Amino acid sequence: MFRNNPTHPLLHDHQLTGRKQELRSFSITGDIRVVYHNISSKTVILLDIGSHAQVY
């Protein structure tokens, strides 16, 4: 879903704040998140995956 439509509402994609403000995150399930960095409009680097507590 993220690859086809990174802004799909079910992903709950959002910009992070604080020391991770240059990163974004989206949800895979209720508590599993992926933290990533946008390199360009078609390229991202997936940095971390885990529960909310693990990645934040």
PDB file of N, CA and C in Angstrom:
ATOM      1  N   MET A   1       0.831  -1.183   0.000  1.00  0.00           N
ATOM      2  CA  MET A   1       0.000   0.000   0.000  1.00  0.00           C
ATOM      3  C   MET A   1       0.879   1.252   0.000  1.00  0.00           C
ATOM      4  N   PHE A   2       1.920   1.269   0.845  1.00  0.00           N
ATOM      5  CA  PHE A   2       2.798   2.441   0.929  1.00  0.00           C
ATOM      6  C   PHE A   2       3.465   2.719  -0.416  1.00  0.00           C
ATOM      7  N   ARG A   3       3.914   1.676  -1.080  1.00  0.00           N
ATOM      8  CA  ARG A   3       4.594   1.856  -2.364  1.00  0.00           C
ATOM      9  C   ARG A   3       3.639   2.451  -3.409  1.00  0.00           C
ATOM     10  N   ASN A   4       2.408   1.983  -3.440  1.00  0.00           N
ATOM     11  CA  ASN A   4       1.442   2.467  -4.426  1.00  0.00           C
ATOM     12  C   ASN A   4       0.841   3.821  -4.078  1.00  0.00           C
ATOM     13  N   ASN A   5       0.664   4.084  -2.797  1.00  0.00           N
ATOM     14  CA  ASN A   5       0.041   5.344  -2.376  1.00  0.00           C
ATOM     15  C   ASN A   5       0.507   5.693  -0.964  1.00  0.00           C
ATOM     16  N   PRO A   6       1.673   6.328  -0.833  1.00  0.00           N
ATOM     17  CA  PRO A   6       2.217   6.622   0.500  1.00  0.00           C
ATOM     18  C   PRO A   6       1.342   7.544   1.356  1.00  0.00           C
ATOM     19  N   THR A   7       0.383   8.207   0.744  1.00  0.00           N
ATOM     20  CA  THR A   7      -0.490   9.093   1.520  1.00  0.00           C
ATOM     21  C   THR A   7      -1.852   8.464   1.812  1.00  0.00           C
ATOM     22  N   HIS A   8      -1.984   7.170   1.577  1.00  0.00           N
ATOM     23  CA  HIS A   8      -3.264   6.502   1.843  1.00  0.00           C
ATOM     24  C   HIS A   8      -3.652   6.711   3.310  1.00  0.00           C
ATOM     25  N   PRO A   9      -4.885   7.091   3.583  1.00  0.00           N
ATOM     26  CA  PRO A   9      -5.320   7.379   4.960  1.00  0.00           C
ATOM     27  C   PRO A   9      -5.130   6.222   5.948  1.00  0.00           C
ATOM     28  N   LEU A  10      -5.215   4.985   5.484  1.00  0.00           N
ATOM     29  CA  LEU A  10      -5.042   3.852   6.395  1.00  0.00           C
ATOM     30  C   LEU A  10      -3.625   3.754   6.958  1.00  0.00           C
ATOM     31  N   LEU A  11      -2.669   4.363   6.303  1.00  0.00           N
ATOM     32  CA  LEU A  11      -1.275   4.313   6.764  1.00  0.00           C
ATOM     33  C   LEU A  11      -0.998   5.276   7.922  1.00  0.00           C
ATOM     34  N   HIS A  12      -1.812   6.274   8.077  1.00  0.00           N
ATOM     35  CA  HIS A  12      -1.613   7.280   9.130  1.00  0.00           C
ATOM     36  C   HIS A  12      -0.201   7.868   9.061  1.00  0.00           C
ATOM     37  N   ASP A  13       0.229   8.167   7.847  1.00  0.00           N
ATOM     38  CA  ASP A  13       1.561   8.739   7.637  1.00  0.00           C
ATOM     39  C   ASP A  13       1.645  10.131   8.265  1.00  0.00           C
ATOM     40  N   HIS A  14       2.774  10.410   8.917  1.00  0.00           N
ATOM     41  CA  HIS A  14       2.937  11.723   9.531  1.00  0.00           C
ATOM     42  C   HIS A  14       4.418  12.074   9.718  1.00  0.00           C
ATOM     43  N   GLN A  15       4.671  13.367   9.751  1.00  0.00           N
ATOM     44  CA  GLN A  15       5.996  13.903  10.029  1.00  0.00           C
ATOM     45  C   GLN A  15       6.272  13.752  11.523  1.00  0.00           C
ATOM     46  N   LEU A  16       7.491  13.365  11.862  1.00  0.00           N
ATOM     47  CA  LEU A  16       7.854  13.250  13.271  1.00  0.00           C
ATOM     48  C   LEU A  16       8.321  14.602  13.799  1.00  0.00           C
ATOM     49  N   THR A  17       8.472  14.709  15.095  1.00  0.00           N
ATOM     50  CA  THR A  17       8.883  15.966  15.724  1.00  0.00           C
ATOM     51  C   THR A  17      10.130  15.739  16.572  1.00  0.00           C
ATOM     52  N   GLY A  18      10.628  16.812  17.139  1.00  0.00           N
ATOM     53  CA  GLY A  18      11.784  16.716  18.027  1.00  0.00           C
ATOM     54  C   GLY A  18      13.042  16.310  17.297  1.00  0.00           C
ATOM     55  N   ARG A  19      13.815  15.417  17.917  1.00  0.00           N
ATOM     56  CA  ARG A  19      15.099  15.028  17.324  1.00  0.00           C
ATOM     57  C   ARG A  19      14.943  14.196  16.062  1.00  0.00           C
ATOM     58  N   LYS A  20      13.723  13.750  15.759  1.00  0.00           N
ATOM     59  CA  LYS A  20      13.457  12.973  14.542  1.00  0.00           C
ATOM     60  C   LYS A  20      12.625  13.778  13.543  1.00  0.00           C
ATOM     61  N   GLN A  21      12.674  15.093  13.628  1.00  0.00           N
ATOM     62  CA  GLN A  21      11.794  15.934  12.819  1.00  0.00           C
ATOM     63  C   GLN A  21      12.029  15.830  11.313  1.00  0.00           C
ATOM     64  N   GLU A  22      13.179  15.319  10.879  1.00  0.00           N
ATOM     65  CA  GLU A  22      13.427  15.153   9.443  1.00  0.00           C
ATOM     66  C   GLU A  22      12.877  13.829   8.913  1.00  0.00           C
ATOM     67  N   LEU A  23      12.261  13.032   9.790  1.00  0.00           N
ATOM     68  CA  LEU A  23      11.757  11.714   9.428  1.00  0.00           C
ATOM     69  C   LEU A  23      10.233  11.683   9.407  1.00  0.00           C
ATOM     70  N   ARG A  24       9.703  10.622   8.793  1.00  0.00           N
ATOM     71  CA  ARG A  24       8.267  10.389   8.762  1.00  0.00           C
ATOM     72  C   ARG A  24       7.994   8.988   9.276  1.00  0.00           C
ATOM     73  N   SER A  25       6.734   8.697   9.554  1.00  0.00           N
ATOM     74  CA  SER A  25       6.344   7.385  10.044  1.00  0.00           C
ATOM     75  C   SER A  25       4.984   7.019   9.481  1.00  0.00           C
ATOM     76  N   PHE A  26       4.778   5.706   9.294  1.00  0.00           N
ATOM     77  CA  PHE A  26       3.449   5.215   8.926  1.00  0.00           C
ATOM     78  C   PHE A  26       3.168   3.934   9.696  1.00  0.00           C
ATOM     79  N   SER A  27       1.897   3.591   9.792  1.00  0.00           N
ATOM     80  CA  SER A  27       1.463   2.417  10.544  1.00  0.00           C
ATOM     81  C   SER A  27       1.295   1.215   9.632  1.00  0.00           C
ATOM     82  N   ILE A  28       1.712   0.049  10.138  1.00  0.00           N
ATOM     83  CA  ILE A  28       1.447  -1.211   9.451  1.00  0.00           C
ATOM     84  C   ILE A  28       0.239  -1.874  10.100  1.00  0.00           C
ATOM     85  N   THR A  29       0.233  -1.904  11.442  1.00  0.00           N
ATOM     86  CA  THR A  29      -0.916  -2.375  12.215  1.00  0.00           C
ATOM     87  C   THR A  29      -1.154  -1.351  13.302  1.00  0.00           C
ATOM     88  N   GLY A  30      -2.045  -1.643  14.219  1.00  0.00           N
ATOM     89  CA  GLY A  30      -2.368  -0.694  15.280  1.00  0.00           C
ATOM     90  C   GLY A  30      -1.164  -0.192  16.047  1.00  0.00           C
ATOM     91  N   ASP A  31      -0.188  -1.058  16.325  1.00  0.00           N
ATOM     92  CA  ASP A  31       0.963  -0.629  17.118  1.00  0.00           C
ATOM     93  C   ASP A  31       2.299  -0.772  16.386  1.00  0.00           C
ATOM     94  N   ILE A  32       2.324  -1.301  15.189  1.00  0.00           N
ATOM     95  CA  ILE A  32       3.578  -1.465  14.462  1.00  0.00           C
ATOM     96  C   ILE A  32       3.764  -0.295  13.505  1.00  0.00           C
ATOM     97  N   ARG A  33       4.911   0.357  13.641  1.00  0.00           N
ATOM     98  CA  ARG A  33       5.224   1.547  12.851  1.00  0.00           C
ATOM     99  C   ARG A  33       6.479   1.329  12.019  1.00  0.00           C
ATOM    100  N   VAL A  34       6.588   2.086  10.926  1.00  0.00           N
ATOM    101  CA  VAL A  34       7.808   2.147  10.120  1.00  0.00           C
ATOM    102  C   VAL A  34       8.252   3.599  10.114  1.00  0.00           C
ATOM    103  N   VAL A  35       9.511   3.827  10.464  1.00  0.00           N
ATOM    104  CA  VAL A  35      10.097   5.162  10.411  1.00  0.00           C
ATOM    105  C   VAL A  35      10.954   5.215   9.150  1.00  0.00           C
ATOM    106  N   TYR A  36      10.805   6.292   8.391  1.00  0.00           N
ATOM    107  CA  TYR A  36      11.535   6.395   7.133  1.00  0.00           C
ATOM    108  C   TYR A  36      11.975   7.827   6.856  1.00  0.00           C
ATOM    109  N   HIS A  37      12.870   7.944   5.880  1.00  0.00           N
ATOM    110  CA  HIS A  37      13.384   9.253   5.460  1.00  0.00           C
ATOM    111  C   HIS A  37      13.116   9.410   3.971  1.00  0.00           C
ATOM    112  N   ASN A  38      12.473  10.498   3.591  1.00  0.00           N
ATOM    113  CA  ASN A  38      12.235  10.787   2.175  1.00  0.00           C
ATOM    114  C   ASN A  38      13.516  11.315   1.556  1.00  0.00           C
ATOM    115  N   ILE A  39      13.990  10.646   0.519  1.00  0.00           N
ATOM    116  CA  ILE A  39      15.149  11.120  -0.230  1.00  0.00           C
ATOM    117  C   ILE A  39      14.681  11.956  -1.413  1.00  0.00           C
ATOM    118  N   SER A  40      13.636  11.500  -2.082  1.00  0.00           N
ATOM    119  CA  SER A  40      13.009  12.222  -3.185  1.00  0.00           C
ATOM    120  C   SER A  40      11.550  11.793  -3.252  1.00  0.00           C
ATOM    121  N   SER A  41      10.828  12.279  -4.242  1.00  0.00           N
ATOM    122  CA  SER A  41       9.411  11.921  -4.347  1.00  0.00           C
ATOM    123  C   SER A  41       9.208  10.436  -4.652  1.00  0.00           C
ATOM    124  N   LYS A  42      10.240   9.754  -5.131  1.00  0.00           N
ATOM    125  CA  LYS A  42      10.118   8.334  -5.468  1.00  0.00           C
ATOM    126  C   LYS A  42      11.079   7.439  -4.691  1.00  0.00           C
ATOM    127  N   THR A  43      11.861   8.028  -3.791  1.00  0.00           N
ATOM    128  CA  THR A  43      12.858   7.242  -3.057  1.00  0.00           C
ATOM    129  C   THR A  43      12.773   7.517  -1.567  1.00  0.00           C
ATOM    130  N   VAL A  44      12.667   6.442  -0.771  1.00  0.00           N
ATOM    131  CA  VAL A  44      12.688   6.557   0.685  1.00  0.00           C
ATOM    132  C   VAL A  44      13.674   5.541   1.246  1.00  0.00           C
ATOM    133  N   ILE A  45      14.178   5.823   2.427  1.00  0.00           N
ATOM    134  CA  ILE A  45      15.009   4.874   3.169  1.00  0.00           C
ATOM    135  C   ILE A  45      14.215   4.458   4.393  1.00  0.00           C
ATOM    136  N   LEU A  46      13.915   3.165   4.494  1.00  0.00           N
ATOM    137  CA  LEU A  46      13.216   2.649   5.667  1.00  0.00           C
ATOM    138  C   LEU A  46      14.250   2.468   6.771  1.00  0.00           C
ATOM    139  N   LEU A  47      14.050   3.131   7.905  1.00  0.00           N
ATOM    140  CA  LEU A  47      15.049   3.172   8.966  1.00  0.00           C
ATOM    141  C   LEU A  47      14.763   2.254  10.141  1.00  0.00           C
ATOM    142  N   ASP A  48      13.508   2.106  10.498  1.00  0.00           N
ATOM    143  CA  ASP A  48      13.175   1.328  11.696  1.00  0.00           C
ATOM    144  C   ASP A  48      11.768   0.792  11.582  1.00  0.00           C
ATOM    145  N   ILE A  49      11.551  -0.367  12.166  1.00  0.00           N
ATOM    146  CA  ILE A  49      10.215  -0.956  12.227  1.00  0.00           C
ATOM    147  C   ILE A  49      10.063  -1.594  13.604  1.00  0.00           C
ATOM    148  N   GLY A  50       8.907  -1.385  14.204  1.00  0.00           N
ATOM    149  CA  GLY A  50       8.653  -1.966  15.517  1.00  0.00           C
ATOM    150  C   GLY A  50       7.432  -1.340  16.153  1.00  0.00           C
ATOM    151  N   SER A  51       7.232  -1.661  17.405  1.00  0.00           N
ATOM    152  CA  SER A  51       6.096  -1.093  18.129  1.00  0.00           C
ATOM    153  C   SER A  51       6.329   0.399  18.353  1.00  0.00           C
ATOM    154  N   HIS A  52       5.273   1.073  18.717  1.00  0.00           N
ATOM    155  CA  HIS A  52       5.352   2.519  18.978  1.00  0.00           C
ATOM    156  C   HIS A  52       6.476   2.811  19.975  1.00  0.00           C
ATOM    157  N   ALA A  53       6.538   2.070  21.040  1.00  0.00           N
ATOM    158  CA  ALA A  53       7.563   2.279  22.074  1.00  0.00           C
ATOM    159  C   ALA A  53       8.976   2.008  21.542  1.00  0.00           C
ATOM    160  N   GLN A  54       9.131   1.049  20.656  1.00  0.00           N
ATOM    161  CA  GLN A  54      10.442   0.699  20.130  1.00  0.00           C
ATOM    162  C   GLN A  54      11.000   1.744  19.174  1.00  0.00           C
ATOM    163  N   VAL A  55      10.172   2.289  18.303  1.00  0.00           N
ATOM    164  CA  VAL A  55      10.684   3.200  17.272  1.00  0.00           C
ATOM    165  C   VAL A  55      10.712   4.657  17.699  1.00  0.00           C
ATOM    166  N   TYR A  56       9.941   5.027  18.745  1.00  0.00           N
ATOM    167  CA  TYR A  56       9.958   6.406  19.203  1.00  0.00           C
ATOM    168  C   TYR A  56      10.709   6.469  20.490  1.00  0.00           C
TER     169      TYR A  56
END
